PDB file of N, CA and C in Angstrom:
ATOM      1  N   MET A   1       4.808  -6.450  -2.169  1.00  0.00           N
ATOM      2  CA  MET A   1       5.796  -5.137  -2.316  1.00  0.00           C
ATOM      3  C   MET A   1       5.762  -3.891  -1.439  1.00  0.00           C
ATOM      4  N   ASP A   2       6.548  -3.328  -0.741  1.00  0.00           N
ATOM      5  CA  ASP A   2       5.887  -2.153   0.383  1.00  0.00           C
ATOM      6  C   ASP A   2       6.243  -0.828  -0.574  1.00  0.00           C
ATOM      7  N   PHE A   3       5.504  -0.135   0.437  1.00  0.00           N
ATOM      8  CA  PHE A   3       5.022   1.411  -0.704  1.00  0.00           C
ATOM      9  C   PHE A   3       6.705   1.908  -1.115  1.00  0.00           C
ATOM     10  N   ASP A   4       7.750   1.831  -0.339  1.00  0.00           N
ATOM     11  CA  ASP A   4       9.100   2.505  -1.258  1.00  0.00           C
ATOM     12  C   ASP A   4       9.219   1.815  -2.670  1.00  0.00           C
ATOM     13  N   GLN A   5       9.246   0.640  -2.191  1.00  0.00           N
ATOM     14  CA  GLN A   5       9.368  -0.138  -3.881  1.00  0.00           C
ATOM     15  C   GLN A   5       8.154   0.155  -4.881  1.00  0.00           C
ATOM     16  N   ILE A   6       7.435   0.547  -4.670  1.00  0.00           N
ATOM     17  CA  ILE A   6       6.371   1.030  -5.388  1.00  0.00           C
ATOM     18  C   ILE A   6       6.504   2.305  -6.161  1.00  0.00           C
ATOM     19  N   LYS A   7       6.777   3.479  -5.017  1.00  0.00           N
ATOM     20  CA  LYS A   7       7.405   4.798  -5.723  1.00  0.00           C
ATOM     21  C   LYS A   7       8.742   4.309  -6.596  1.00  0.00           C
ATOM     22  N   ALA A   8       9.508   3.831  -6.069  1.00  0.00           N
ATOM     23  CA  ALA A   8      10.642   3.312  -6.968  1.00  0.00           C
ATOM     24  C   ALA A   8      10.236   3.134  -8.272  1.00  0.00           C
ATOM     25  N   LEU A   9       9.377   2.823  -8.811  1.00  0.00           N
ATOM     26  CA  LEU A   9       8.663   2.319  -9.917  1.00  0.00           C
ATOM     27  C   LEU A   9       8.493   2.992 -10.602  1.00  0.00           C
ATOM     28  N   LEU A  10       8.132   4.370 -10.226  1.00  0.00           N
ATOM     29  CA  LEU A  10       6.742   5.423 -10.186  1.00  0.00           C
ATOM     30  C   LEU A  10       7.583   6.286 -11.353  1.00  0.00           C
ATOM     31  N   LYS A  11       7.200   6.705 -12.745  1.00  0.00           N
ATOM     32  CA  LYS A  11       8.271   8.140 -13.029  1.00  0.00           C
ATOM     33  C   LYS A  11       6.976   8.822 -13.181  1.00  0.00           C
ATOM     34  N   HIS A  12       7.299   9.840 -12.273  1.00  0.00           N
ATOM     35  CA  HIS A  12       6.626  11.091 -12.333  1.00  0.00           C
ATOM     36  C   HIS A  12       6.687  12.147 -13.007  1.00  0.00           C
ATOM     37  N   SER A  13       5.487  12.718 -13.577  1.00  0.00           N
ATOM     38  CA  SER A  13       5.468  14.362 -14.505  1.00  0.00           C
ATOM     39  C   SER A  13       6.578  14.986 -13.620  1.00  0.00           C
ATOM     40  N   PRO A  14       7.082  16.488 -13.808  1.00  0.00           N
ATOM     41  CA  PRO A  14       7.572  17.409 -13.008  1.00  0.00           C
ATOM     42  C   PRO A  14       6.687  18.053 -11.837  1.00  0.00           C
ATOM     43  N   ASP A  15       5.649  18.065 -11.674  1.00  0.00           N
ATOM     44  CA  ASP A  15       4.954  18.262 -10.693  1.00  0.00           C
ATOM     45  C   ASP A  15       4.505  17.105  -9.630  1.00  0.00           C
ATOM     46  N   GLY A  16       5.047  16.248 -10.043  1.00  0.00           N
ATOM     47  CA  GLY A  16       4.848  14.824  -9.222  1.00  0.00           C
ATOM     48  C   GLY A  16       3.749  13.788  -9.100  1.00  0.00           C
ATOM     49  N   LEU A  17       3.376  14.002 -10.369  1.00  0.00           N
ATOM     50  CA  LEU A  17       2.175  13.347 -10.502  1.00  0.00           C
ATOM     51  C   LEU A  17       2.152  12.285 -11.544  1.00  0.00           C
ATOM     52  N   VAL A  18       1.243  11.223 -11.645  1.00  0.00           N
ATOM     53  CA  VAL A  18       1.167  10.255 -12.464  1.00  0.00           C
ATOM     54  C   VAL A  18      -0.134   9.962 -13.095  1.00  0.00           C
ATOM     55  N   PRO A  19      -0.316  10.277 -14.205  1.00  0.00           N
ATOM     56  CA  PRO A  19      -1.802   9.810 -14.795  1.00  0.00           C
ATOM     57  C   PRO A  19      -2.372   8.659 -14.374  1.00  0.00           C
ATOM     58  N   ALA A  20      -3.628   8.292 -13.886  1.00  0.00           N
ATOM     59  CA  ALA A  20      -4.178   7.054 -13.508  1.00  0.00           C
ATOM     60  C   ALA A  20      -5.759   6.707 -14.540  1.00  0.00           C
ATOM     61  N   ILE A  21      -5.468   5.756 -15.297  1.00  0.00           N
ATOM     62  CA  ILE A  21      -6.471   5.096 -15.624  1.00  0.00           C
ATOM     63  C   ILE A  21      -7.750   4.640 -14.839  1.00  0.00           C
ATOM     64  N   VAL A  22      -9.229   4.541 -15.285  1.00  0.00           N
ATOM     65  CA  VAL A  22      -9.728   4.146 -14.304  1.00  0.00           C
ATOM     66  C   VAL A  22     -10.464   2.893 -15.206  1.00  0.00           C
ATOM     67  N   GLN A  23     -10.886   2.134 -14.937  1.00  0.00           N
ATOM     68  CA  GLN A  23     -11.636   1.005 -16.084  1.00  0.00           C
ATOM     69  C   GLN A  23     -12.567   0.194 -14.957  1.00  0.00           C
ATOM     70  N   ASP A  24     -13.828  -0.263 -15.453  1.00  0.00           N
ATOM     71  CA  ASP A  24     -14.511  -1.212 -14.678  1.00  0.00           C
ATOM     72  C   ASP A  24     -14.184  -2.384 -15.156  1.00  0.00           C
ATOM     73  N   ALA A  25     -13.536  -2.783 -13.627  1.00  0.00           N
ATOM     74  CA  ALA A  25     -13.392  -4.585 -13.440  1.00  0.00           C
ATOM     75  C   ALA A  25     -14.313  -5.592 -14.415  1.00  0.00           C
ATOM     76  N   ASN A  26     -15.668  -5.389 -14.548  1.00  0.00           N
ATOM     77  CA  ASN A  26     -16.250  -5.970 -14.736  1.00  0.00           C
ATOM     78  C   ASN A  26     -16.300  -5.958 -16.155  1.00  0.00           C
ATOM     79  N   THR A  27     -16.666  -5.038 -17.005  1.00  0.00           N
ATOM     80  CA  THR A  27     -17.181  -4.525 -18.357  1.00  0.00           C
ATOM     81  C   THR A  27     -15.534  -4.276 -19.201  1.00  0.00           C
ATOM     82  N   LYS A  28     -14.869  -3.884 -18.068  1.00  0.00           N
ATOM     83  CA  LYS A  28     -13.473  -3.327 -18.757  1.00  0.00           C
ATOM     84  C   LYS A  28     -13.526  -1.739 -19.892  1.00  0.00           C
ATOM     85  N   GLN A  29     -14.632  -1.439 -19.195  1.00  0.00           N
ATOM     86  CA  GLN A  29     -14.832   0.216 -20.095  1.00  0.00           C
ATOM     87  C   GLN A  29     -14.194   1.234 -19.369  1.00  0.00           C
ATOM     88  N   VAL A  30     -13.786   2.161 -19.940  1.00  0.00           N
ATOM     89  CA  VAL A  30     -12.646   3.291 -19.777  1.00  0.00           C
ATOM     90  C   VAL A  30     -13.576   4.205 -18.961  1.00  0.00           C
ATOM     91  N   LEU A  31     -13.473   4.330 -18.141  1.00  0.00           N
ATOM     92  CA  LEU A  31     -14.351   5.273 -17.452  1.00  0.00           C
ATOM     93  C   LEU A  31     -13.775   6.787 -17.053  1.00  0.00           C
ATOM     94  N   MET A  32     -12.782   7.137 -16.930  1.00  0.00           N
ATOM     95  CA  MET A  32     -11.991   8.434 -16.241  1.00  0.00           C
ATOM     96  C   MET A  32     -11.081   8.270 -16.084  1.00  0.00           C
ATOM     97  N   MET A  33      -9.947   9.111 -16.241  1.00  0.00           N
ATOM     98  CA  MET A  33      -8.523   9.637 -15.935  1.00  0.00           C
ATOM     99  C   MET A  33      -8.442  10.779 -14.889  1.00  0.00           C
ATOM    100  N   ALA A  34      -7.625  10.367 -14.044  1.00  0.00           N
ATOM    101  CA  ALA A  34      -7.506  11.549 -13.038  1.00  0.00           C
ATOM    102  C   ALA A  34      -6.366  11.749 -12.615  1.00  0.00           C
ATOM    103  N   TRP A  35      -5.065  12.264 -11.655  1.00  0.00           N
ATOM    104  CA  TRP A  35      -4.035  12.383 -11.427  1.00  0.00           C
ATOM    105  C   TRP A  35      -4.091  11.947 -10.073  1.00  0.00           C
ATOM    106  N   MET A  36      -2.805  10.809  -9.967  1.00  0.00           N
ATOM    107  CA  MET A  36      -2.633  10.646  -8.828  1.00  0.00           C
ATOM    108  C   MET A  36      -1.334  11.053  -8.074  1.00  0.00           C
ATOM    109  N   ASP A  37      -0.617  11.435  -6.906  1.00  0.00           N
ATOM    110  CA  ASP A  37       0.902  11.357  -6.197  1.00  0.00           C
ATOM    111  C   ASP A  37       1.246  10.241  -5.510  1.00  0.00           C
ATOM    112  N   ASP A  38       2.120  10.333  -4.879  1.00  0.00           N
ATOM    113  CA  ASP A  38       2.601   9.121  -4.598  1.00  0.00           C
ATOM    114  C   ASP A  38       1.760   9.157  -3.022  1.00  0.00           C
ATOM    115  N   GLU A  39       0.969   9.861  -2.421  1.00  0.00           N
ATOM    116  CA  GLU A  39       0.093  10.064  -1.420  1.00  0.00           C
ATOM    117  C   GLU A  39      -1.191   9.363  -1.726  1.00  0.00           C
ATOM    118  N   ALA A  40      -1.514   9.848  -2.961  1.00  0.00           N
ATOM    119  CA  ALA A  40      -2.976   9.350  -3.235  1.00  0.00           C
ATOM    120  C   ALA A  40      -3.092   7.838  -3.595  1.00  0.00           C
ATOM    121  N   LEU A  41      -1.417   7.515  -4.068  1.00  0.00           N
ATOM    122  CA  LEU A  41      -1.638   6.161  -4.714  1.00  0.00           C
ATOM    123  C   LEU A  41      -1.736   5.419  -3.019  1.00  0.00           C
ATOM    124  N   LYS A  42      -0.684   5.480  -2.408  1.00  0.00           N
ATOM    125  CA  LYS A  42      -0.687   5.331  -0.821  1.00  0.00           C
ATOM    126  C   LYS A  42      -2.176   5.269  -0.198  1.00  0.00           C
ATOM    127  N   ARG A  43      -3.006   6.452  -0.416  1.00  0.00           N
ATOM    128  CA  ARG A  43      -4.138   6.700   0.716  1.00  0.00           C
ATOM    129  C   ARG A  43      -4.943   4.790  -0.693  1.00  0.00           C
ATOM    130  N   THR A  44      -5.121   5.126  -1.946  1.00  0.00           N
ATOM    131  CA  THR A  44      -6.045   4.078  -2.293  1.00  0.00           C
ATOM    132  C   THR A  44      -5.283   2.644  -2.336  1.00  0.00           C
ATOM    133  N   LEU A  45      -4.051   2.435  -1.980  1.00  0.00           N
ATOM    134  CA  LEU A  45      -3.697   1.085  -1.679  1.00  0.00           C
ATOM    135  C   LEU A  45      -4.441   0.876  -0.493  1.00  0.00           C
ATOM    136  N   GLU A  46      -4.446   1.995   0.980  1.00  0.00           N
ATOM    137  CA  GLU A  46      -4.916   1.560   1.626  1.00  0.00           C
ATOM    138  C   GLU A  46      -6.056   1.073   2.172  1.00  0.00           C
ATOM    139  N   THR A  47      -6.864   1.935   1.699  1.00  0.00           N
ATOM    140  CA  THR A  47      -8.381   1.976   1.787  1.00  0.00           C
ATOM    141  C   THR A  47      -9.808   1.377   0.453  1.00  0.00           C
ATOM    142  N   LYS A  48      -8.292   0.820  -0.955  1.00  0.00           N
ATOM    143  CA  LYS A  48      -9.208   0.597  -1.878  1.00  0.00           C
ATOM    144  C   LYS A  48     -10.159   1.488  -2.288  1.00  0.00           C
ATOM    145  N   LYS A  49     -10.206   2.896  -2.093  1.00  0.00           N
ATOM    146  CA  LYS A  49     -11.158   3.456  -2.591  1.00  0.00           C
ATOM    147  C   LYS A  49     -10.021   4.478  -3.371  1.00  0.00           C
ATOM    148  N   ALA A  50     -10.921   4.483  -4.717  1.00  0.00           N
ATOM    149  CA  ALA A  50     -10.229   5.305  -5.505  1.00  0.00           C
ATOM    150  C   ALA A  50      -9.955   7.245  -4.789  1.00  0.00           C
ATOM    151  N   THR A  51      -8.900   7.560  -4.527  1.00  0.00           N
ATOM    152  CA  THR A  51      -8.271   8.737  -4.022  1.00  0.00           C
ATOM    153  C   THR A  51      -7.146   9.395  -5.192  1.00  0.00           C
ATOM    154  N   PHE A  52      -7.581  10.904  -5.945  1.00  0.00           N
ATOM    155  CA  PHE A  52      -6.596  11.393  -7.060  1.00  0.00           C
ATOM    156  C   PHE A  52      -6.342  12.551  -6.090  1.00  0.00           C
ATOM    157  N   TRP A  53      -5.508  13.384  -6.574  1.00  0.00           N
ATOM    158  CA  TRP A  53      -4.686  14.472  -6.480  1.00  0.00           C
ATOM    159  C   TRP A  53      -6.019  15.566  -7.211  1.00  0.00           C
ATOM    160  N   SER A  54      -6.250  16.261  -6.846  1.00  0.00           N
ATOM    161  CA  SER A  54      -6.781  17.725  -7.799  1.00  0.00           C
ATOM    162  C   SER A  54      -6.212  19.033  -8.158  1.00  0.00           C
ATOM    163  N   ARG A  55      -5.738  18.966  -9.647  1.00  0.00           N
ATOM    164  CA  ARG A  55      -4.804  20.015  -9.731  1.00  0.00           C
ATOM    165  C   ARG A  55      -5.873  21.267  -9.727  1.00  0.00           C
ATOM    166  N   SER A  56      -6.768  21.425 -10.145  1.00  0.00           N
ATOM    167  CA  SER A  56      -7.523  22.772  -9.789  1.00  0.00           C
ATOM    168  C   SER A  56      -7.841  22.766  -8.486  1.00  0.00           C
ATOM    169  N   ARG A  57      -8.015  22.046  -7.646  1.00  0.00           N
ATOM    170  CA  ARG A  57      -8.359  22.817  -6.114  1.00  0.00           C
ATOM    171  C   ARG A  57      -7.366  22.307  -5.446  1.00  0.00           C
ATOM    172  N   GLN A  58      -6.245  21.792  -5.648  1.00  0.00           N
ATOM    173  CA  GLN A  58      -4.741  21.506  -4.859  1.00  0.00           C
ATOM    174  C   GLN A  58      -4.949  20.401  -3.673  1.00  0.00           C
ATOM    175  N   GLU A  59      -6.301  19.638  -3.709  1.00  0.00           N
ATOM    176  CA  GLU A  59      -6.440  19.008  -2.337  1.00  0.00           C
ATOM    177  C   GLU A  59      -6.666  17.106  -3.269  1.00  0.00           C
ATOM    178  N   TYR A  60      -6.534  16.375  -2.543  1.00  0.00           N
ATOM    179  CA  TYR A  60      -7.211  15.332  -2.449  1.00  0.00           C
ATOM    180  C   TYR A  60      -8.556  15.132  -2.853  1.00  0.00           C
ATOM    181  N   TRP A  61      -8.962  14.036  -3.075  1.00  0.00           N
ATOM    182  CA  TRP A  61     -10.588  13.519  -3.520  1.00  0.00           C
ATOM    183  C   TRP A  61     -10.980  12.129  -3.458  1.00  0.00           C
ATOM    184  N   VAL A  62     -11.471  11.538  -3.061  1.00  0.00           N
ATOM    185  CA  VAL A  62     -12.170   9.917  -2.829  1.00  0.00           C
ATOM    186  C   VAL A  62     -13.381  10.237  -4.357  1.00  0.00           C
ATOM    187  N   LYS A  63     -13.083   9.309  -4.961  1.00  0.00           N
ATOM    188  CA  LYS A  63     -14.268   9.581  -6.175  1.00  0.00           C
ATOM    189  C   LYS A  63     -15.228   9.153  -5.429  1.00  0.00           C
ATOM    190  N   GLY A  64     -16.371   9.932  -5.622  1.00  0.00           N
ATOM    191  CA  GLY A  64     -17.855   9.492  -5.047  1.00  0.00           C
ATOM    192  C   GLY A  64     -17.763   9.850  -3.643  1.00  0.00           C
ATOM    193  N   GLU A  65     -16.668  10.268  -3.121  1.00  0.00           N
ATOM    194  CA  GLU A  65     -17.538  11.312  -1.464  1.00  0.00           C
ATOM    195  C   GLU A  65     -18.354  12.121  -1.432  1.00  0.00           C
ATOM    196  N   THR A  66     -18.679  13.084  -2.522  1.00  0.00           N
ATOM    197  CA  THR A  66     -19.758  13.875  -2.394  1.00  0.00           C
ATOM    198  C   THR A  66     -20.996  13.324  -2.973  1.00  0.00           C
ATOM    199  N   SER A  67     -20.310  12.614  -4.586  1.00  0.00           N
ATOM    200  CA  SER A  67     -21.512  12.435  -4.776  1.00  0.00           C
ATOM    201  C   SER A  67     -22.123  11.058  -4.924  1.00  0.00           C
ATOM    202  N   GLY A  68     -21.533  10.602  -4.294  1.00  0.00           N
ATOM    203  CA  GLY A  68     -22.020   8.951  -3.730  1.00  0.00           C
ATOM    204  C   GLY A  68     -21.475   7.661  -4.536  1.00  0.00           C
ATOM    205  N   ASN A  69     -20.982   8.430  -6.039  1.00  0.00           N
ATOM    206  CA  ASN A  69     -20.782   7.413  -6.962  1.00  0.00           C
ATOM    207  C   ASN A  69     -19.172   6.909  -6.910  1.00  0.00           C
ATOM    208  N   LEU A  70     -19.060   6.027  -5.854  1.00  0.00           N
ATOM    209  CA  LEU A  70     -17.688   5.438  -5.215  1.00  0.00           C
ATOM    210  C   LEU A  70     -17.343   4.966  -6.196  1.00  0.00           C
ATOM    211  N   GLN A  71     -15.955   4.476  -6.081  1.00  0.00           N
ATOM    212  CA  GLN A  71     -15.172   2.911  -6.566  1.00  0.00           C
ATOM    213  C   GLN A  71     -14.349   2.673  -6.122  1.00  0.00           C
ATOM    214  N   ASP A  72     -15.034   1.414  -5.837  1.00  0.00           N
ATOM    215  CA  ASP A  72     -14.305   0.109  -5.143  1.00  0.00           C
ATOM    216  C   ASP A  72     -13.285  -0.332  -5.388  1.00  0.00           C
ATOM    217  N   VAL A  73     -11.539  -0.091  -5.559  1.00  0.00           N
ATOM    218  CA  VAL A  73     -10.850  -0.940  -5.955  1.00  0.00           C
ATOM    219  C   VAL A  73     -10.277  -1.977  -6.152  1.00  0.00           C
ATOM    220  N   GLN A  74     -10.237  -2.851  -7.367  1.00  0.00           N
ATOM    221  CA  GLN A  74     -10.282  -4.144  -7.206  1.00  0.00           C
ATOM    222  C   GLN A  74      -8.443  -4.421  -7.481  1.00  0.00           C
ATOM    223  N   SER A  75      -7.890  -3.574  -8.661  1.00  0.00           N
ATOM    224  CA  SER A  75      -6.832  -3.741  -8.744  1.00  0.00           C
ATOM    225  C   SER A  75      -5.808  -2.662  -9.262  1.00  0.00           C
ATOM    226  N   VAL A  76      -4.776  -2.195  -8.582  1.00  0.00           N
ATOM    227  CA  VAL A  76      -3.741  -1.126  -9.312  1.00  0.00           C
ATOM    228  C   VAL A  76      -2.863  -2.001  -9.769  1.00  0.00           C
ATOM    229  N   LYS A  77      -2.472  -1.367 -11.332  1.00  0.00           N
ATOM    230  CA  LYS A  77      -1.514  -1.854 -11.935  1.00  0.00           C
ATOM    231  C   LYS A  77      -0.677  -0.848 -12.781  1.00  0.00           C
ATOM    232  N   LEU A  78       0.841  -0.796 -12.675  1.00  0.00           N
ATOM    233  CA  LEU A  78       1.784  -0.187 -13.294  1.00  0.00           C
ATOM    234  C   LEU A  78       2.032  -0.429 -14.610  1.00  0.00           C
ATOM    235  N   ASP A  79       1.603   0.591 -15.667  1.00  0.00           N
ATOM    236  CA  ASP A  79       2.328   0.120 -17.330  1.00  0.00           C
ATOM    237  C   ASP A  79       3.846  -0.018 -17.151  1.00  0.00           C
ATOM    238  N   CYS A  80       4.247  -0.576 -18.155  1.00  0.00           N
ATOM    239  CA  CYS A  80       5.330  -1.247 -18.388  1.00  0.00           C
ATOM    240  C   CYS A  80       6.686  -0.168 -18.497  1.00  0.00           C
ATOM    241  N   ASP A  81       6.576   1.101 -19.022  1.00  0.00           N
ATOM    242  CA  ASP A  81       7.299   2.447 -18.608  1.00  0.00           C
ATOM    243  C   ASP A  81       6.976   2.971 -17.191  1.00  0.00           C
ATOM    244  N   GLY A  82       6.506   2.734 -16.329  1.00  0.00           N
ATOM    245  CA  GLY A  82       6.011   3.192 -14.949  1.00  0.00           C
ATOM    246  C   GLY A  82       5.376   4.379 -15.082  1.00  0.00           C
ATOM    247  N   ASP A  83       5.129   4.618 -15.955  1.00  0.00           N
ATOM    248  CA  ASP A  83       4.306   6.388 -16.147  1.00  0.00           C
ATOM    249  C   ASP A  83       2.782   6.113 -15.966  1.00  0.00           C
ATOM    250  N   THR A  84       1.989   5.665 -16.079  1.00  0.00           N
ATOM    251  CA  THR A  84       0.348   5.528 -15.861  1.00  0.00           C
ATOM    252  C   THR A  84       0.178   4.076 -15.183  1.00  0.00           C
ATOM    253  N   LEU A  85      -1.007   4.623 -14.187  1.00  0.00           N
ATOM    254  CA  LEU A  85      -1.020   3.534 -13.365  1.00  0.00           C
ATOM    255  C   LEU A  85      -2.632   3.291 -14.279  1.00  0.00           C
ATOM    256  N   LEU A  86      -3.394   1.894 -14.028  1.00  0.00           N
ATOM    257  CA  LEU A  86      -4.293   1.664 -14.153  1.00  0.00           C
ATOM    258  C   LEU A  86      -5.284   1.018 -12.959  1.00  0.00           C
ATOM    259  N   LEU A  87      -6.628   1.305 -12.967  1.00  0.00           N
ATOM    260  CA  LEU A  87      -7.316   1.286 -11.787  1.00  0.00           C
ATOM    261  C   LEU A  87      -8.295   0.631 -12.054  1.00  0.00           C
ATOM    262  N   GLU A  88      -8.372  -0.962 -11.444  1.00  0.00           N
ATOM    263  CA  GLU A  88      -9.442  -1.527 -12.084  1.00  0.00           C
ATOM    264  C   GLU A  88     -10.612  -1.282 -10.839  1.00  0.00           C
ATOM    265  N   VAL A  89     -11.918  -1.108 -11.075  1.00  0.00           N
ATOM    266  CA  VAL A  89     -12.734  -0.812 -10.209  1.00  0.00           C
ATOM    267  C   VAL A  89     -14.156  -1.383 -10.058  1.00  0.00           C
ATOM    268  N   ILE A  90     -14.716  -1.230  -9.402  1.00  0.00           N
ATOM    269  CA  ILE A  90     -16.161  -1.481  -8.942  1.00  0.00           C
ATOM    270  C   ILE A  90     -16.949  -0.518  -9.034  1.00  0.00           C
ATOM    271  N   PRO A  91     -17.981   0.141  -9.826  1.00  0.00           N
ATOM    272  CA  PRO A  91     -18.246   1.473  -9.832  1.00  0.00           C
ATOM    273  C   PRO A  91     -19.707   1.761  -9.610  1.00  0.00           C
ATOM    274  N   HIS A  92     -19.699   2.605  -8.695  1.00  0.00           N
ATOM    275  CA  HIS A  92     -20.993   2.832  -7.402  1.00  0.00           C
ATOM    276  C   HIS A  92     -21.786   3.770  -8.180  1.00  0.00           C
ATOM    277  N   GLY A  93     -22.537   3.599  -9.501  1.00  0.00           N
ATOM    278  CA  GLY A  93     -22.791   4.931 -10.164  1.00  0.00           C
ATOM    279  C   GLY A  93     -22.176   5.650 -11.330  1.00  0.00           C
ATOM    280  N   PRO A  94     -22.430   6.600 -12.047  1.00  0.00           N
ATOM    281  CA  PRO A  94     -21.875   7.002 -13.171  1.00  0.00           C
ATOM    282  C   PRO A  94     -20.410   7.278 -12.556  1.00  0.00           C
ATOM    283  N   ALA A  95     -19.295   7.626 -13.667  1.00  0.00           N
ATOM    284  CA  ALA A  95     -17.517   7.742 -13.651  1.00  0.00           C
ATOM    285  C   ALA A  95     -17.836   9.697 -13.479  1.00  0.00           C
ATOM    286  N   CYS A  96     -18.415   9.896 -14.240  1.00  0.00           N
ATOM    287  CA  CYS A  96     -18.232  11.399 -14.869  1.00  0.00           C
ATOM    288  C   CYS A  96     -19.087  12.323 -14.391  1.00  0.00           C
ATOM    289  N   HIS A  97     -18.467  13.204 -14.093  1.00  0.00           N
ATOM    290  CA  HIS A  97     -18.872  14.760 -13.383  1.00  0.00           C
ATOM    291  C   HIS A  97     -19.982  15.075 -13.719  1.00  0.00           C
ATOM    292  N   THR A  98     -20.393  14.880 -15.318  1.00  0.00           N
ATOM    293  CA  THR A  98     -21.895  14.932 -16.077  1.00  0.00           C
ATOM    294  C   THR A  98     -23.038  14.130 -15.887  1.00  0.00           C
ATOM    295  N   GLY A  99     -22.608  13.250 -15.070  1.00  0.00           N
ATOM    296  CA  GLY A  99     -23.715  11.371 -14.691  1.00  0.00           C
ATOM    297  C   GLY A  99     -23.701  10.903 -16.105  1.00  0.00           C
ATOM    298  N   ALA A 100     -22.831  10.926 -16.847  1.00  0.00           N
ATOM    299  CA  ALA A 100     -22.497   9.828 -17.795  1.00  0.00           C
ATOM    300  C   ALA A 100     -21.787   8.459 -17.136  1.00  0.00           C
ATOM    301  N   VAL A 101     -21.965   7.399 -17.935  1.00  0.00           N
ATOM    302  CA  VAL A 101     -20.939   6.370 -17.189  1.00  0.00           C
ATOM    303  C   VAL A 101     -19.579   6.387 -17.512  1.00  0.00           C
ATOM    304  N   SER A 102     -19.597   6.792 -18.571  1.00  0.00           N
ATOM    305  CA  SER A 102     -17.750   7.292 -18.534  1.00  0.00           C
ATOM    306  C   SER A 102     -17.567   8.695 -19.270  1.00  0.00           C
ATOM    307  N   CYS A 103     -16.502   9.114 -18.586  1.00  0.00           N
ATOM    308  CA  CYS A 103     -15.894  10.638 -18.948  1.00  0.00           C
ATOM    309  C   CYS A 103     -15.829  10.674 -20.756  1.00  0.00           C
ATOM    310  N   PHE A 104     -15.281   9.236 -21.097  1.00  0.00           N
ATOM    311  CA  PHE A 104     -15.629   9.322 -22.728  1.00  0.00           C
ATOM    312  C   PHE A 104     -16.066   8.938 -23.184  1.00  0.00           C
ATOM    313  N   ASP A 105     -17.933   9.012 -22.892  1.00  0.00           N
ATOM    314  CA  ASP A 105     -19.039   8.758 -23.866  1.00  0.00           C
ATOM    315  C   ASP A 105     -19.546   9.595 -24.429  1.00  0.00           C
ATOM    316  N   THR A 106     -18.781  11.237 -24.395  1.00  0.00           N
ATOM    317  CA  THR A 106     -19.570  12.548 -25.035  1.00  0.00           C
ATOM    318  C   THR A 106     -18.713  12.808 -26.509  1.00  0.00           C
ATOM    319  N   HIS A 107     -17.629  12.363 -26.614  1.00  0.00           N
ATOM    320  CA  HIS A 107     -17.004  13.285 -27.842  1.00  0.00           C
ATOM    321  C   HIS A 107     -16.175  11.406 -28.756  1.00  0.00           C
ATOM    322  N   THR A 108     -16.919  10.876 -29.562  1.00  0.00           N
ATOM    323  CA  THR A 108     -15.898  10.465 -30.727  1.00  0.00           C
ATOM    324  C   THR A 108     -14.982  10.775 -31.547  1.00  0.00           C
ATOM    325  N   LEU A 109     -14.185  11.233 -31.876  1.00  0.00           N
ATOM    326  CA  LEU A 109     -13.372  11.565 -32.802  1.00  0.00           C
ATOM    327  C   LEU A 109     -12.758  11.037 -34.087  1.00  0.00           C
ATOM    328  N   ALA A 110     -12.995   9.090 -33.997  1.00  0.00           N
ATOM    329  CA  ALA A 110     -12.398   9.009 -35.475  1.00  0.00           C
ATOM    330  C   ALA A 110     -12.793   7.495 -34.844  1.00  0.00           C
TER     331      ALA A 110
END
């Protein structure tokens, strides 16, 4: 499937973004959630490095580029509605900026 076909399947938010859930390919643990636009997705598919759009910094970032905690992308899947991506990755270090393995390790609500 070429990239134009992939883009046609995506349902973006009004600001052109799609949420991306990142999951450990081996353990299946959910590691984090970040945002992607078309360019971030294209870069991810081309490099196999998890690349996202930072809403706060208004720039692209490769997960682990500064921390060393890279994520090697094994697969990228689109949900049935076309509005959420799932990245299965091999993590090299913790996913959360706090140093936790997962950004979902802090608060259990129910």
